[in-house]
Protein backbone atom coordinates (compact mmCIF):
# COMPACT_ATOMS: atom_id res chain seq x y z
CA MET A 1 -4.37 3.58 -4.53
CA VAL A 2 -4.06 0.99 -2.15
CA ALA A 3 -0.98 -0.47 -0.02
CA ILE A 4 0.27 -2.96 2.01
CA GLU A 5 3.71 -1.60 2.71
CA HIS A 6 6.59 -1.23 4.62
CA SER A 7 10.11 -0.82 4.55
CA VAL A 8 11.38 1.07 1.68
CA ALA A 9 10.69 -0.82 -2.10
CA GLY A 10 7.01 -0.27 -1.40
CA PRO A 11 6.56 3.25 0.23
CA LEU A 12 8.93 4.28 -2.59
CA CYS A 13 7.23 3.14 -5.55
CA THR A 14 3.48 4.14 -4.06
CA ARG A 15 5.35 8.09 -3.35
CA ILE A 16 6.64 8.34 -6.67
CA LEU A 17 2.57 7.37 -7.76
CA HIS A 18 0.89 9.99 -5.09
CA GLU A 19 3.51 12.88 -6.92
CA LEU A 20 1.76 11.98 -9.86
CA GLY A 21 -1.60 12.38 -8.98
CA ALA A 22 -2.41 9.05 -6.52
CA GLU A 23 -4.44 9.05 -3.71
CA VAL A 24 -2.23 6.65 -2.11
CA ILE A 25 -4.66 4.91 1.34
CA LYS A 26 -1.48 3.20 3.51
CA ILE A 27 -2.68 -0.02 5.69
CA GLU A 28 -1.09 -0.08 8.80
CA ARG A 29 -1.38 -2.50 10.92
CA PRO A 30 -2.79 -2.26 14.56
CA PRO A 31 -0.98 -1.07 17.53
CA SER A 32 2.19 0.44 15.80
CA GLY A 33 1.85 0.37 12.13
CA ASP A 34 5.01 0.49 9.68
CA PHE A 35 7.60 -0.54 11.58
CA SER A 36 10.14 2.24 9.78
CA ARG A 37 8.09 5.15 11.72
CA ARG A 38 10.35 3.88 14.88
CA TRP A 39 14.01 3.06 13.00
CA ASP A 40 15.20 6.14 14.69
CA SER A 41 14.33 9.51 15.91
CA ASN A 42 15.33 12.23 13.56
CA VAL A 43 12.35 13.78 12.43
CA ARG A 44 9.68 15.37 15.44
CA GLY A 45 10.65 11.37 17.09
CA GLU A 46 9.91 9.26 14.17
CA GLY A 47 12.12 7.57 11.96
CA ALA A 48 13.84 10.09 8.83
CA GLN A 49 12.85 7.34 6.76
CA PHE A 50 8.84 7.26 7.25
CA TRP A 51 9.39 11.18 6.65
CA TRP A 52 11.00 10.23 3.27
CA LEU A 53 8.99 7.71 1.95
CA ASN A 54 5.50 8.21 3.55
CA ARG A 55 4.12 11.95 2.81
CA GLY A 56 1.24 13.10 1.39
CA LYS A 57 -0.52 9.22 2.20
CA LYS A 58 -3.40 8.07 4.21
CA SER A 59 -3.52 6.13 6.92
CA VAL A 60 -5.79 2.96 7.56
CA LEU A 61 -5.03 0.66 11.09
CA LEU A 62 -6.59 -2.25 9.91
CA ASP A 63 -6.62 -5.54 11.63
CA LEU A 64 -6.37 -8.04 8.46
CA LYS A 65 -6.48 -11.02 10.78
CA SER A 66 -10.19 -10.25 11.93
CA PRO A 67 -12.94 -10.72 9.32
CA GLU A 68 -13.75 -7.01 9.33
CA GLY A 69 -10.42 -5.91 8.85
CA ARG A 70 -10.02 -7.87 5.81
CA ASP A 71 -13.89 -7.24 4.48
CA ALA A 72 -12.84 -3.54 4.48
CA LEU A 73 -9.54 -4.55 2.84
CA GLY A 74 -11.75 -6.30 -0.20
CA GLN A 75 -14.06 -3.14 -0.35
CA LEU A 76 -10.69 -0.79 -0.83
CA LEU A 77 -9.64 -3.54 -3.53
CA ALA A 78 -13.08 -2.91 -5.48
CA ARG A 79 -12.88 0.49 -5.82
CA ALA A 80 -9.21 0.84 -5.70
CA ASP A 81 -6.95 1.39 -9.87
CA VAL A 82 -4.21 -0.25 -7.93
CA PHE A 83 -2.86 -2.24 -5.00
CA VAL A 84 0.57 -2.55 -4.18
CA GLN A 85 2.00 -4.66 -1.63
CA ASN A 86 5.70 -6.09 -0.34
CA LEU A 87 4.72 -8.97 2.32
CA SER A 88 6.01 -12.14 2.36
CA PRO A 89 5.08 -14.50 -0.34
CA ALA A 90 3.31 -16.22 2.34
CA SER A 91 1.95 -13.54 4.22
CA ALA A 92 0.25 -13.02 0.80
CA ARG A 93 -1.77 -16.15 0.29
CA ARG A 94 -2.87 -16.22 4.00
CA LEU A 95 -4.54 -12.83 3.75
CA GLY A 96 -5.84 -13.43 -0.13
CA VAL A 97 -3.52 -10.90 -1.65
CA ASP A 98 -1.57 -12.88 -3.68
CA LYS A 99 -2.26 -13.52 -7.64
CA GLU A 100 -4.87 -15.89 -6.95
CA GLY A 101 -6.53 -14.39 -4.52
CA LEU A 102 -7.46 -11.17 -6.71
CA GLU A 103 -8.60 -12.55 -9.61
CA ARG A 104 -11.67 -11.67 -8.47
CA TYR A 105 -10.81 -7.92 -9.03
CA PRO A 106 -10.11 -8.18 -12.92
CA ALA A 107 -9.75 -4.51 -12.98
CA LEU A 108 -6.99 -4.32 -10.50
CA VAL A 109 -3.39 -3.46 -10.78
CA SER A 110 -1.66 -5.35 -8.34
CA CYS A 111 2.16 -5.17 -8.11
CA HIS A 112 3.72 -7.69 -5.55
CA ILE A 113 7.42 -7.15 -4.30
CA SER A 114 9.17 -9.38 -2.97
CA GLY A 115 12.95 -10.42 -2.26
CA TYR A 116 12.79 -13.77 -5.34
CA GLY A 117 9.52 -13.42 -6.95
CA ALA A 118 5.61 -14.51 -5.40
CA ASP A 119 7.32 -17.82 -6.32
CA GLY A 120 10.02 -19.82 -7.30
CA PRO A 121 13.05 -21.56 -5.36
CA TYR A 122 13.91 -18.79 -3.17
CA ALA A 123 10.53 -17.47 -3.17
CA GLY A 124 10.03 -18.22 1.04
CA ARG A 125 13.35 -16.61 2.13
CA LYS A 126 13.73 -13.24 3.78
CA ALA A 127 15.44 -10.87 2.10
CA TYR A 128 16.49 -7.26 2.79
CA ASP A 129 18.70 -4.94 0.64
CA MET A 130 21.89 -6.23 1.83
CA LEU A 131 21.16 -9.55 1.20
CA ILE A 132 20.11 -8.88 -2.35
CA GLN A 133 23.28 -7.23 -2.69
CA ALA A 134 25.28 -9.86 -1.73
CA GLU A 135 22.94 -12.64 -3.64
CA ALA A 136 22.74 -10.66 -7.41
CA GLY A 137 26.10 -10.23 -6.80
CA VAL A 138 26.47 -6.47 -6.33
CA MET A 139 28.80 -6.86 -3.18
CA SER A 140 31.02 -9.05 -5.49
CA LEU A 141 32.36 -5.79 -6.87
CA THR A 142 31.97 -3.28 -4.17
CA GLY A 143 34.53 -3.00 -1.66
CA THR A 144 38.54 -3.91 -1.25
CA PRO A 145 39.98 -6.59 -3.04
CA GLU A 146 39.43 -8.58 0.64
CA GLN A 147 36.38 -7.90 1.48
CA PRO A 148 33.39 -7.36 -0.49
CA MET A 149 31.16 -4.16 1.12
CA ARG A 150 27.78 -3.34 0.76
CA VAL A 151 26.91 -0.07 -1.31
CA GLY A 152 26.50 2.81 1.34
CA VAL A 153 22.57 3.27 0.20
CA SER A 154 20.14 0.40 -0.02
CA ILE A 155 19.91 0.57 -3.98
CA ALA A 156 18.45 -2.92 -4.05
CA ASP A 157 15.54 -0.99 -2.39
CA VAL A 158 15.38 2.24 -3.91
CA ALA A 159 15.60 1.11 -6.79
CA THR A 160 13.16 -2.14 -6.69
CA GLY A 161 10.56 0.62 -5.83
CA ILE A 162 11.75 3.16 -9.52
CA TYR A 163 10.94 0.06 -11.37
CA SER A 164 7.65 -1.26 -9.36
CA ALA A 165 6.13 2.35 -10.32
CA VAL A 166 7.70 2.26 -13.68
CA THR A 167 5.81 -1.32 -14.12
CA VAL A 168 2.80 -0.52 -12.69
CA LEU A 169 2.26 2.89 -15.39
CA GLY A 170 2.89 0.73 -17.86
CA ALA A 171 -0.13 -1.70 -16.44
CA LEU A 172 -2.10 1.46 -16.15
CA LEU A 173 -1.61 2.16 -19.94
CA GLY A 174 -2.26 -1.30 -20.82
CA ARG A 175 -5.18 -1.43 -18.99
CA GLU A 176 -6.18 1.88 -21.43
CA LYS A 177 -6.29 -0.16 -24.05
CA THR A 178 -7.95 -3.98 -22.62
CA GLY A 179 -9.88 -2.89 -19.91
CA THR A 180 -8.09 -5.67 -17.87
CA GLY A 181 -5.69 -5.15 -15.00
CA ALA A 182 -2.21 -7.09 -14.55
CA ALA A 183 -0.79 -9.03 -11.83
CA LEU A 184 3.17 -7.70 -11.78
CA ASP A 185 5.67 -9.69 -9.79
CA VAL A 186 9.00 -7.63 -8.79
CA ALA A 187 11.43 -9.67 -7.60
CA MET A 188 14.36 -7.39 -6.28
CA PHE A 189 16.64 -9.92 -7.05
CA ASP A 190 15.75 -8.62 -10.61
CA VAL A 191 16.44 -5.04 -10.15
CA ALA A 192 20.13 -5.97 -8.71
CA ALA A 193 21.03 -8.63 -11.43
CA GLU A 194 20.17 -5.43 -13.60
CA PHE A 195 23.13 -3.61 -12.15
CA LEU A 196 25.17 -6.16 -13.54
CA GLY A 197 24.25 -5.34 -16.69
CA PRO A 198 27.67 -4.82 -18.76
CA MET A 199 29.42 -7.62 -16.43
CA LEU A 200 27.07 -10.51 -16.94
CA VAL A 201 27.09 -9.70 -20.61
CA SER A 202 31.09 -10.14 -20.24
CA PHE A 203 31.49 -13.16 -18.25
CA LEU A 204 28.30 -14.93 -20.52
CA ASN A 205 30.00 -13.77 -23.64
CA SER A 206 33.76 -13.86 -22.58
CA GLY A 207 34.19 -15.30 -19.33
CA VAL A 208 35.62 -12.38 -17.54
CA GLU A 209 35.29 -11.48 -13.88
CA TYR A 210 35.98 -8.53 -13.18
CA THR A 211 37.21 -7.72 -9.71
CA ARG A 212 36.68 -5.37 -6.93
CA ALA A 213 38.09 -1.87 -6.74
CA PRO A 214 37.21 -0.16 -4.25
CA ASP A 215 37.61 3.53 -5.57
CA GLN A 216 38.50 3.68 -9.54
CA HIS A 217 35.88 2.29 -11.86
CA HIS A 218 36.12 -1.75 -13.14
CA ALA A 219 36.15 -1.31 -17.38
CA ILE A 220 37.67 2.34 -17.42
CA ALA A 221 41.26 4.20 -16.66
CA PRO A 222 41.99 6.33 -15.03
CA TYR A 223 38.59 6.70 -13.73
CA GLY A 224 38.69 7.29 -9.74
CA VAL A 225 39.37 8.59 -6.64
CA PHE A 226 42.56 10.71 -6.23
CA PRO A 227 44.21 12.24 -3.76
CA CYS A 228 45.45 15.75 -3.92
CA ALA A 229 48.03 17.54 -1.80
CA ASP A 230 45.09 18.96 0.76
CA GLU A 231 42.25 16.88 -0.39
CA ARG A 232 40.73 14.43 -2.70
CA VAL A 233 39.25 14.18 -6.63
CA LEU A 234 37.74 11.65 -8.71
CA LEU A 235 37.94 12.36 -12.25
CA ALA A 236 37.39 10.40 -15.12
CA VAL A 237 39.60 9.58 -18.40
CA GLU A 238 36.41 8.84 -21.02
CA HIS A 239 38.35 7.91 -23.58
CA ASP A 240 41.72 7.38 -25.74
CA ASP A 241 41.50 11.56 -26.56
CA GLU A 242 40.89 12.52 -23.16
CA TRP A 243 44.02 10.33 -22.01
CA LEU A 244 46.18 12.42 -24.46
CA ARG A 245 44.81 15.58 -23.04
CA PHE A 246 45.03 13.81 -19.30
CA CYS A 247 48.94 12.91 -19.66
CA ALA A 248 49.91 16.50 -21.84
CA ASP A 249 47.63 18.98 -19.52
CA VAL A 250 46.91 17.75 -15.95
CA ILE A 251 50.04 15.66 -15.07
CA GLU A 252 52.09 17.05 -17.36
CA ARG A 253 53.27 13.57 -18.93
CA PRO A 254 53.03 13.64 -22.49
CA ASP A 255 55.23 10.87 -22.55
CA LEU A 256 52.77 8.49 -20.99
CA GLY A 257 50.26 9.55 -23.94
CA ALA A 258 52.80 8.63 -26.44
CA ASP A 259 53.63 5.40 -24.85
CA PRO A 260 51.58 2.55 -27.03
CA ALA A 261 51.89 0.46 -23.91
CA TYR A 262 48.91 2.66 -22.53
CA SER A 263 47.01 3.86 -26.00
CA THR A 264 43.65 2.09 -25.33
CA ASN A 265 41.28 1.81 -22.43
CA PRO A 266 41.85 -2.01 -22.10
CA GLN A 267 45.50 -1.58 -22.27
CA ARG A 268 45.14 1.24 -19.50
CA VAL A 269 43.29 -1.24 -17.45
CA ALA A 270 45.27 -3.79 -17.45
CA ALA A 271 48.19 -1.58 -16.56
CA ARG A 272 46.36 0.09 -13.67
CA ASP A 273 48.63 -1.36 -11.13
CA VAL A 274 51.57 0.99 -12.52
CA LEU A 275 49.70 3.81 -13.91
CA THR A 276 47.56 4.83 -10.64
CA PRO A 277 50.55 4.84 -8.33
CA THR A 278 52.19 7.20 -11.01
CA ILE A 279 49.43 9.85 -11.35
CA THR A 280 48.64 9.15 -7.52
CA SER A 281 52.40 10.91 -6.68
CA ILE A 282 52.01 13.84 -9.28
CA LEU A 283 48.52 15.13 -8.05
CA GLY A 284 49.43 14.46 -4.51
CA THR A 285 52.12 17.34 -4.45
CA LEU A 286 49.86 20.02 -6.26
CA ASP A 287 46.12 21.78 -4.49
CA ARG A 288 43.06 20.22 -5.43
CA SER A 289 42.26 23.92 -6.58
CA VAL A 290 45.30 23.45 -8.64
CA VAL A 291 44.25 19.75 -10.03
CA ILE A 292 40.54 21.17 -11.06
CA GLU A 293 41.72 24.36 -12.77
CA ARG A 294 43.71 21.90 -14.79
CA LEU A 295 40.79 19.27 -15.33
CA GLU A 296 38.53 21.95 -16.41
CA ARG A 297 41.28 23.28 -19.23
CA ALA A 298 42.13 20.04 -20.75
CA GLY A 299 38.17 19.24 -20.54
CA ILE A 300 38.15 16.16 -17.85
CA ALA A 301 35.12 15.09 -15.85
CA TYR A 302 35.46 15.39 -12.19
CA ALA A 303 33.55 15.94 -8.71
CA ALA A 304 33.85 16.63 -5.38
CA LEU A 305 33.37 13.83 -2.91
CA ASN A 306 30.35 15.10 -1.07
CA ASP A 307 28.93 14.09 2.01
CA SER A 308 25.25 15.05 3.66
CA ALA A 309 26.33 18.48 4.82
CA GLY A 310 27.95 19.17 1.24
CA VAL A 311 25.05 17.67 -0.92
CA SER A 312 22.43 19.79 1.58
CA ALA A 313 24.59 22.87 0.82
CA HIS A 314 25.60 22.03 -2.83
CA PRO A 315 24.87 25.01 -5.18
CA VAL A 316 23.01 22.66 -7.44
CA THR A 317 20.59 21.87 -4.45
CA GLN A 318 19.97 25.10 -4.25
CA PHE A 319 19.20 26.10 -7.69
CA ARG A 320 17.07 22.63 -8.40
CA GLY A 321 15.05 23.23 -5.06
CA LEU A 322 15.94 20.10 -3.57
CA VAL A 323 15.57 20.74 -0.20
CA SER A 324 12.13 22.09 0.81
CA ASP A 325 10.48 22.98 4.02
CA THR A 326 7.32 21.04 4.70
CA SER A 327 4.19 23.51 4.33
CA ASN A 328 2.11 22.63 7.20
CA GLU A 329 1.47 23.23 10.81
CA SER A 330 1.53 19.47 11.21
CA GLY A 331 5.29 18.98 9.66
CA GLU A 332 6.40 22.87 9.76
CA GLY A 333 9.85 22.94 10.68
CA VAL A 334 10.89 19.82 9.01
CA ARG A 335 12.63 19.67 6.20
CA HIS A 336 12.36 17.58 3.77
CA VAL A 337 14.10 16.04 -0.07
CA VAL A 338 11.89 16.77 -2.44
CA GLY A 339 11.57 13.92 -5.12
CA MET A 340 12.12 14.27 -8.51
CA VAL A 341 8.87 13.38 -9.88
CA GLU A 342 7.16 15.54 -7.06
CA ARG A 343 9.02 18.57 -8.53
CA LEU A 344 8.70 18.21 -12.48
CA PHE A 345 4.81 17.19 -11.97
CA GLY A 346 3.88 18.19 -8.05
CA GLY A 347 2.10 15.86 -6.48
CA ALA A 348 -1.87 15.52 -6.44
CA GLU A 349 -3.30 18.51 -5.71
CA GLY A 350 -3.98 19.67 -2.32
CA ALA A 351 -2.24 16.82 -0.96
CA ARG A 352 -0.91 17.15 2.45
CA ARG A 353 2.89 17.56 2.76
CA ARG A 354 3.92 15.49 5.55
CA PRO A 355 3.61 12.00 6.17
CA PRO A 356 0.22 11.10 8.05
CA MET A 357 -0.08 10.18 12.20
CA LEU A 358 -0.62 6.35 12.97
CA GLY A 359 -4.19 5.56 11.36
CA GLU A 360 -5.56 9.45 10.75
CA ASP A 361 -7.55 8.23 8.11
CA THR A 362 -9.20 5.25 9.20
CA ARG A 363 -12.42 7.14 9.97
CA GLU A 364 -12.56 8.70 7.38
CA VAL A 365 -12.09 5.60 4.76
CA LEU A 366 -14.49 3.01 7.24
CA ASP A 367 -17.12 6.08 6.54
CA PHE A 368 -16.75 5.83 2.95
CA LEU A 369 -17.33 1.83 2.73
CA ALA A 370 -20.09 2.34 5.15
CA GLN A 371 -18.26 0.53 8.13
CA ALA A 372 -18.28 3.20 10.49
CA ALA A 373 -21.06 1.66 13.07
CA ASP A 374 -19.38 -2.16 12.73
CA CYS A 375 -16.08 -2.53 11.51
CA ALA A 376 -14.75 1.41 13.15
CA GLU A 377 -15.55 -0.03 16.62
CA ARG A 378 -13.32 -2.70 16.76
CA VAL A 379 -10.14 -0.49 15.42
CA ASP A 380 -8.77 1.97 17.30
CA THR A 381 -9.21 5.13 14.65
CA THR A 382 -7.24 7.70 17.36
CA PRO A 383 -4.05 8.86 15.17
CA ALA A 384 -0.97 8.81 17.00
CA ARG A 385 2.38 10.14 15.89
CA VAL A 386 5.45 9.69 18.63
CA GLY A 387 5.64 12.24 20.71
CA GLN A 388 3.15 14.45 19.14
CA GLU A 389 -0.78 15.66 19.98
CA PRO A 390 -3.01 14.71 16.62
CA ASN A 391 -3.78 17.71 15.08
CA HIS A 392 -6.93 17.22 13.16
CA SER A 393 -6.75 21.12 11.41
CA SER A 394 -4.15 19.20 9.21
CA GLY A 395 -4.50 20.49 5.77
CA ALA A 396 -5.05 16.83 4.07
CA ALA A 397 -6.01 16.11 0.49
CA PRO A 398 -9.23 16.46 -0.13
CA SER A 399 -10.18 13.08 -0.09
CA ARG A 400 -11.03 11.06 -3.89
CA LEU A 401 -12.34 8.03 -2.03
CA HIS A 402 -15.70 8.50 -3.87
CA HIS A 403 -13.71 7.73 -7.40
CA GLU A 404 -15.67 4.71 -9.00
CA ARG A 405 -14.60 2.66 -11.59
């Protein structure tokens, strides 16, 4: 698999596919490579996001503006099963890796990730996660009534990476039947709009426009964050029978459960301005442990509000092995989050468990392409990681560059 990628969506797509066993050759631009290497210095002097998204990949420095760089890329694509890129549509056209330019590789599965699609009215617009959250309506449902806000994590980026990996797998399955590849056009806007599914369906069919409820569910009540005497708890009353138990056993107000004005979920949503203060006033007199005990007894769902420290120490994190130490000399002492796919499938056999140093695998790849003599001289092939000397004794995966389709 060959990737020209940066930021989140493209790298997450290829990381997932790497964890399923693919060898990923990440093309980076000299002299500094993927700019997420430098977004912060939280992991051994490099960006945490780069370490999160690029474990196990190979890094190749290619100047794609040069004939030699483009020739090396073309040779890689001729041998690749998959090509993933999240260049702008204009940049993809200039480099000849848009849909039309890739037609010379009929068996290749290509995935072009962009903000608004490879063509169309917004194809030329820059698109980052928060911009897409705004444009696709996600922020219209997030925040306070007065102020829309972004979701606290880059959900449009992350979901686009996951969707892209799924579409690539589907195209590879299709190629098994037809022998031909596919040109996939994945837009962040499409993915983010998917999050609005029930809200869009409601609007399209009933004209209902949901408003922002900062710490409550937009369509279920009561379902949200409530303060207790000491801490907060998030609770969810899923259906009408649970509402009766919640009233009787948790807030000890069976009269509310018996009130026909609140017997159905749509009624409770409509009366949220009345019910929420009532519930808050009762729970606010009780310690969180007491509230949780009552919720448990009544069979009502609840959750703690954890931050990164809480998640790191969470019993489920420990039990399911979500945090692991990098296990080779170049990344020793670095703790990382183990992706679900990696835990389920184990990743590529023998793959290094750290991200690559900048340009670490350039020489190996160019040697394979028989370009070392005249192409490698024009490319700086020296590995470079910020604040770290190259270590050429790494436990890198045995190369599968000799695979031919």
